[in-house]
Amino acid sequence: MAGDGTLDTVSKWLLVIGGLNWGLTGVGGFIKSDLNIVHMVLKSIPMLENLVYVLVGAAAVLSLVGMFKK
């Protein structure tokens, strides 16, 4: 990601959250448990849960674009 602005900082945190969530979801699959933290926290608000997933995806795209700008 280019620069050290607020958008970059938020994107980095979203990528960390997304990566940890994917990792826990994968581990949960092996032990037959649902370890999707985003779903656990926001399951009563599906639209907000989906928004988190979209924001994590947007952060990944922003990171990808930043890698090719260098």
Protein backbone atom coordinates (compact mmCIF):
# COMPACT_ATOMS: atom_id res chain seq x y z
CA MET A 1 0.00 0.00 0.00
CA ALA A 2 1.31 3.37 -0.92
CA GLY A 3 1.76 5.97 1.78
CA ASP A 4 0.99 6.02 5.46
CA GLY A 5 -2.43 7.64 5.37
CA THR A 6 -5.52 6.77 7.32
CA LEU A 7 -6.94 4.70 4.44
CA ASP A 8 -3.77 2.60 4.37
CA THR A 9 -3.88 2.06 8.13
CA VAL A 10 -7.54 1.03 8.03
CA SER A 11 -6.83 -1.26 5.07
CA LYS A 12 -3.98 -2.94 6.91
CA TRP A 13 -6.16 -3.58 9.95
CA LEU A 14 -8.96 -4.94 7.76
CA LEU A 15 -6.48 -7.31 6.09
CA VAL A 16 -5.26 -8.51 9.50
CA ILE A 17 -8.84 -9.04 10.69
CA GLY A 18 -9.75 -10.81 7.46
CA GLY A 19 -6.66 -13.00 7.52
CA LEU A 20 -7.18 -14.04 11.13
CA ASN A 21 -10.85 -14.73 10.46
CA TRP A 22 -10.03 -16.91 7.43
CA GLY A 23 -7.39 -18.76 9.45
CA LEU A 24 -9.75 -19.42 12.33
CA THR A 25 -12.51 -20.45 9.94
CA GLY A 26 -10.12 -22.96 8.34
CA VAL A 27 -9.03 -24.36 11.70
CA GLY A 28 -12.69 -24.57 12.70
CA GLY A 29 -13.37 -26.70 9.64
CA PHE A 30 -10.75 -29.20 10.75
CA ILE A 31 -12.14 -29.47 14.27
CA LYS A 32 -15.79 -29.38 13.16
CA SER A 33 -16.49 -26.03 14.82
CA ASP A 34 -17.55 -22.60 13.56
CA LEU A 35 -14.72 -20.23 14.46
CA ASN A 36 -15.80 -17.44 12.10
CA ILE A 37 -15.34 -14.52 14.51
CA VAL A 38 -17.03 -11.97 12.24
CA HIS A 39 -20.12 -14.18 12.10
CA MET A 40 -20.01 -14.84 15.86
CA VAL A 41 -19.90 -11.12 16.63
CA LEU A 42 -22.31 -9.84 13.96
CA LYS A 43 -24.67 -12.76 13.26
CA SER A 44 -27.66 -10.81 14.48
CA ILE A 45 -26.88 -8.11 11.88
CA PRO A 46 -26.28 -9.95 8.57
CA MET A 47 -26.03 -6.76 6.51
CA LEU A 48 -23.22 -5.46 8.76
CA GLU A 49 -21.48 -8.84 8.57
CA ASN A 50 -21.59 -8.66 4.77
CA LEU A 51 -20.28 -5.08 4.90
CA VAL A 52 -17.25 -6.24 6.89
CA TYR A 53 -16.53 -8.90 4.25
CA VAL A 54 -16.86 -6.32 1.45
CA LEU A 55 -14.53 -3.91 3.27
CA VAL A 56 -11.94 -6.66 3.78
CA GLY A 57 -12.16 -7.45 0.06
CA ALA A 58 -11.80 -3.76 -0.83
CA ALA A 59 -8.74 -3.55 1.44
CA ALA A 60 -7.23 -6.51 -0.41
CA VAL A 61 -7.83 -4.83 -3.78
CA LEU A 62 -6.29 -1.60 -2.49
CA SER A 63 -3.25 -3.54 -1.29
CA LEU A 64 -2.96 -5.34 -4.63
CA VAL A 65 -3.12 -2.07 -6.56
CA GLY A 66 -0.48 -0.61 -4.24
CA MET A 67 1.87 -3.52 -4.94
CA PHE A 68 1.71 -2.90 -8.70
CA LYS A 69 2.29 0.86 -8.34
CA LYS A 70 5.77 0.30 -6.90
